[in-house]
Amino acid sequence: MTVSDEYVAHIRDLLSAFEPLRIKRMFGGAGIYSGDLFFAILVDDALYLKADDSTRGDYESRGLHPFTYRMRNGRTASMSYYPVPPEAIDDPESLCAWAVKALDAARRAATSR
């Protein structure tokens, strides 16, 4: 799981409307925060956005699957982060709409704690 510096810079530009934006490197990938809200991850030069019960269907109806990774014990685990629909990554307006949904999911998760 890696993410290139070029891809990080590209995503930072695309999500600049969500300042204060912070991209923190972790485990070969990166986590994306808007303020204190953790709403996206970057892995293998792909953007994944936070989803919850309210938004998961929007991704699944497009045939998208959650981010998964292999644990040390060999089992596979998944997280509530889904890839951005392919058409949205090339359309800043569409990407912003998806990012707003991810921020809303992150807010709901933060308030439920």
C-alpha atoms as a PDB file:
ATOM      1  CA  MET A   1       0.000   0.000   0.000  1.00  0.00           C
ATOM      2  CA  THR A   2       1.685   3.134  -1.218  1.00  0.00           C
ATOM      3  CA  VAL A   3       0.703   6.515  -2.531  1.00  0.00           C
ATOM      4  CA  SER A   4       2.911   8.728  -4.681  1.00  0.00           C
ATOM      5  CA  ASP A   5       3.775  12.315  -3.831  1.00  0.00           C
ATOM      6  CA  GLU A   6       2.313  13.353  -7.186  1.00  0.00           C
ATOM      7  CA  TYR A   7      -1.041  11.740  -6.411  1.00  0.00           C
ATOM      8  CA  VAL A   8      -1.135  13.335  -2.961  1.00  0.00           C
ATOM      9  CA  ALA A   9      -0.550  16.760  -4.569  1.00  0.00           C
ATOM     10  CA  HIS A  10      -3.232  16.078  -7.195  1.00  0.00           C
ATOM     11  CA  ILE A  11      -5.830  15.094  -4.577  1.00  0.00           C
ATOM     12  CA  ARG A  12      -4.865  18.073  -2.404  1.00  0.00           C
ATOM     13  CA  ASP A  13      -5.650  20.348  -5.365  1.00  0.00           C
ATOM     14  CA  LEU A  14      -8.959  18.598  -6.090  1.00  0.00           C
ATOM     15  CA  LEU A  15     -10.069  18.847  -2.444  1.00  0.00           C
ATOM     16  CA  SER A  16      -8.799  22.377  -1.793  1.00  0.00           C
ATOM     17  CA  ALA A  17     -12.387  23.532  -1.116  1.00  0.00           C
ATOM     18  CA  PHE A  18     -12.271  21.521   2.114  1.00  0.00           C
ATOM     19  CA  GLU A  19      -9.546  23.525   3.853  1.00  0.00           C
ATOM     20  CA  PRO A  20      -8.146  23.310   6.389  1.00  0.00           C
ATOM     21  CA  LEU A  21      -7.047  20.125   4.629  1.00  0.00           C
ATOM     22  CA  ARG A  22      -4.406  17.895   6.177  1.00  0.00           C
ATOM     23  CA  ILE A  23      -2.968  14.807   4.532  1.00  0.00           C
ATOM     24  CA  LYS A  24      -1.084  12.591   6.931  1.00  0.00           C
ATOM     25  CA  ARG A  25       1.111   9.722   5.728  1.00  0.00           C
ATOM     26  CA  MET A  26       0.420   6.389   7.422  1.00  0.00           C
ATOM     27  CA  PHE A  27       1.099   2.722   6.661  1.00  0.00           C
ATOM     28  CA  GLY A  28       2.371   3.550   3.180  1.00  0.00           C
ATOM     29  CA  GLY A  29      -0.853   5.389   2.341  1.00  0.00           C
ATOM     30  CA  ALA A  30      -2.311   8.603   3.698  1.00  0.00           C
ATOM     31  CA  GLY A  31      -5.288   9.822   5.701  1.00  0.00           C
ATOM     32  CA  ILE A  32      -7.135  12.991   4.736  1.00  0.00           C
ATOM     33  CA  TYR A  33      -8.625  15.346   7.294  1.00  0.00           C
ATOM     34  CA  SER A  34     -10.738  18.449   6.909  1.00  0.00           C
ATOM     35  CA  GLY A  35     -10.135  20.182  10.180  1.00  0.00           C
ATOM     36  CA  ASP A  36     -10.401  17.357  12.723  1.00  0.00           C
ATOM     37  CA  LEU A  37     -12.635  15.144  10.573  1.00  0.00           C
ATOM     38  CA  PHE A  38     -10.964  12.082   9.069  1.00  0.00           C
ATOM     39  CA  PHE A  39     -12.948  11.580   5.863  1.00  0.00           C
ATOM     40  CA  ALA A  40     -10.767   9.911   3.236  1.00  0.00           C
ATOM     41  CA  ILE A  41      -7.776   7.683   2.639  1.00  0.00           C
ATOM     42  CA  LEU A  42      -5.268   7.399  -0.186  1.00  0.00           C
ATOM     43  CA  VAL A  43      -3.934   3.942  -1.016  1.00  0.00           C
ATOM     44  CA  ASP A  44      -2.147   2.751  -4.149  1.00  0.00           C
ATOM     45  CA  ASP A  45      -2.857   6.084  -5.842  1.00  0.00           C
ATOM     46  CA  ALA A  46      -6.604   5.740  -5.299  1.00  0.00           C
ATOM     47  CA  LEU A  47      -8.954   7.921  -3.261  1.00  0.00           C
ATOM     48  CA  TYR A  48     -11.393   6.267  -0.847  1.00  0.00           C
ATOM     49  CA  LEU A  49     -14.110   8.240   0.940  1.00  0.00           C
ATOM     50  CA  LYS A  50     -15.759   7.595   4.311  1.00  0.00           C
ATOM     51  CA  ALA A  51     -19.166   5.917   4.111  1.00  0.00           C
ATOM     52  CA  ASP A  52     -21.772   4.890   6.654  1.00  0.00           C
ATOM     53  CA  ASP A  53     -25.264   3.396   6.671  1.00  0.00           C
ATOM     54  CA  SER A  54     -26.627   6.588   5.100  1.00  0.00           C
ATOM     55  CA  THR A  55     -24.230   6.637   2.139  1.00  0.00           C
ATOM     56  CA  ARG A  56     -22.978   3.070   1.639  1.00  0.00           C
ATOM     57  CA  GLY A  57     -25.763   2.308  -0.848  1.00  0.00           C
ATOM     58  CA  ASP A  58     -24.614   5.154  -3.102  1.00  0.00           C
ATOM     59  CA  TYR A  59     -21.331   3.309  -3.614  1.00  0.00           C
ATOM     60  CA  GLU A  60     -22.706  -0.213  -3.703  1.00  0.00           C
ATOM     61  CA  SER A  61     -25.318   0.714  -6.330  1.00  0.00           C
ATOM     62  CA  ARG A  62     -22.369   1.571  -8.589  1.00  0.00           C
ATOM     63  CA  GLY A  63     -20.738  -1.790  -7.956  1.00  0.00           C
ATOM     64  CA  LEU A  64     -18.038  -0.300  -5.713  1.00  0.00           C
ATOM     65  CA  HIS A  65     -16.633  -2.269  -2.790  1.00  0.00           C
ATOM     66  CA  PRO A  66     -15.068  -1.084   0.491  1.00  0.00           C
ATOM     67  CA  PHE A  67     -11.335  -0.832   0.983  1.00  0.00           C
ATOM     68  CA  THR A  68      -9.912  -4.126   2.246  1.00  0.00           C
ATOM     69  CA  TYR A  69      -6.491  -5.149   3.507  1.00  0.00           C
ATOM     70  CA  ARG A  70      -4.787  -8.309   4.654  1.00  0.00           C
ATOM     71  CA  MET A  71      -3.991  -8.521   8.368  1.00  0.00           C
ATOM     72  CA  ARG A  72      -0.880 -10.162   9.808  1.00  0.00           C
ATOM     73  CA  ASN A  73      -2.830 -13.320  10.623  1.00  0.00           C
ATOM     74  CA  GLY A  74      -3.751 -13.681   6.949  1.00  0.00           C
ATOM     75  CA  ARG A  75      -7.379 -12.668   7.355  1.00  0.00           C
ATOM     76  CA  THR A  76      -8.909  -9.879   5.294  1.00  0.00           C
ATOM     77  CA  ALA A  77     -10.456  -6.847   6.952  1.00  0.00           C
ATOM     78  CA  SER A  78     -12.511  -4.061   5.432  1.00  0.00           C
ATOM     79  CA  MET A  79     -13.019  -0.443   6.349  1.00  0.00           C
ATOM     80  CA  SER A  80     -15.942   1.907   5.719  1.00  0.00           C
ATOM     81  CA  TYR A  81     -14.090   3.699   2.936  1.00  0.00           C
ATOM     82  CA  TYR A  82     -15.153   3.268  -0.695  1.00  0.00           C
ATOM     83  CA  PRO A  83     -13.396   4.277  -3.905  1.00  0.00           C
ATOM     84  CA  VAL A  84     -14.588   7.418  -5.577  1.00  0.00           C
ATOM     85  CA  PRO A  85     -16.759   6.577  -8.578  1.00  0.00           C
ATOM     86  CA  PRO A  86     -14.467   6.719 -11.626  1.00  0.00           C
ATOM     87  CA  GLU A  87     -16.412   9.536 -13.303  1.00  0.00           C
ATOM     88  CA  ALA A  88     -16.136  11.733 -10.195  1.00  0.00           C
ATOM     89  CA  ILE A  89     -12.332  11.773  -9.996  1.00  0.00           C
ATOM     90  CA  ASP A  90     -12.224  13.701 -13.297  1.00  0.00           C
ATOM     91  CA  ASP A  91     -15.085  16.039 -12.416  1.00  0.00           C
ATOM     92  CA  PRO A  92     -14.236  18.457  -9.571  1.00  0.00           C
ATOM     93  CA  GLU A  93     -17.889  19.388  -8.985  1.00  0.00           C
ATOM     94  CA  SER A  94     -18.942  15.757  -8.693  1.00  0.00           C
ATOM     95  CA  LEU A  95     -15.949  14.923  -6.508  1.00  0.00           C
ATOM     96  CA  CYS A  96     -16.877  17.755  -4.148  1.00  0.00           C
ATOM     97  CA  ALA A  97     -20.416  16.375  -3.836  1.00  0.00           C
ATOM     98  CA  TRP A  98     -19.014  12.946  -2.918  1.00  0.00           C
ATOM     99  CA  ALA A  99     -16.556  14.525  -0.474  1.00  0.00           C
ATOM    100  CA  VAL A 100     -19.408  16.388   1.246  1.00  0.00           C
ATOM    101  CA  LYS A 101     -21.152  13.025   1.778  1.00  0.00           C
ATOM    102  CA  ALA A 102     -17.923  11.627   3.235  1.00  0.00           C
ATOM    103  CA  LEU A 103     -17.559  14.590   5.589  1.00  0.00           C
ATOM    104  CA  ASP A 104     -21.164  14.151   6.706  1.00  0.00           C
ATOM    105  CA  ALA A 105     -20.452  10.460   7.425  1.00  0.00           C
ATOM    106  CA  ALA A 106     -17.331  11.447   9.370  1.00  0.00           C
ATOM    107  CA  ARG A 107     -19.364  13.993  11.372  1.00  0.00           C
ATOM    108  CA  ARG A 108     -22.010  11.404  12.207  1.00  0.00           C
ATOM    109  CA  ALA A 109     -19.309   8.963  13.322  1.00  0.00           C
ATOM    110  CA  ALA A 110     -17.678  11.631  15.489  1.00  0.00           C
ATOM    111  CA  THR A 111     -20.949  12.604  17.192  1.00  0.00           C
ATOM    112  CA  SER A 112     -21.885   8.985  17.857  1.00  0.00           C
ATOM    113  CA  ARG A 113     -18.733   8.438  19.937  1.00  0.00           C
END
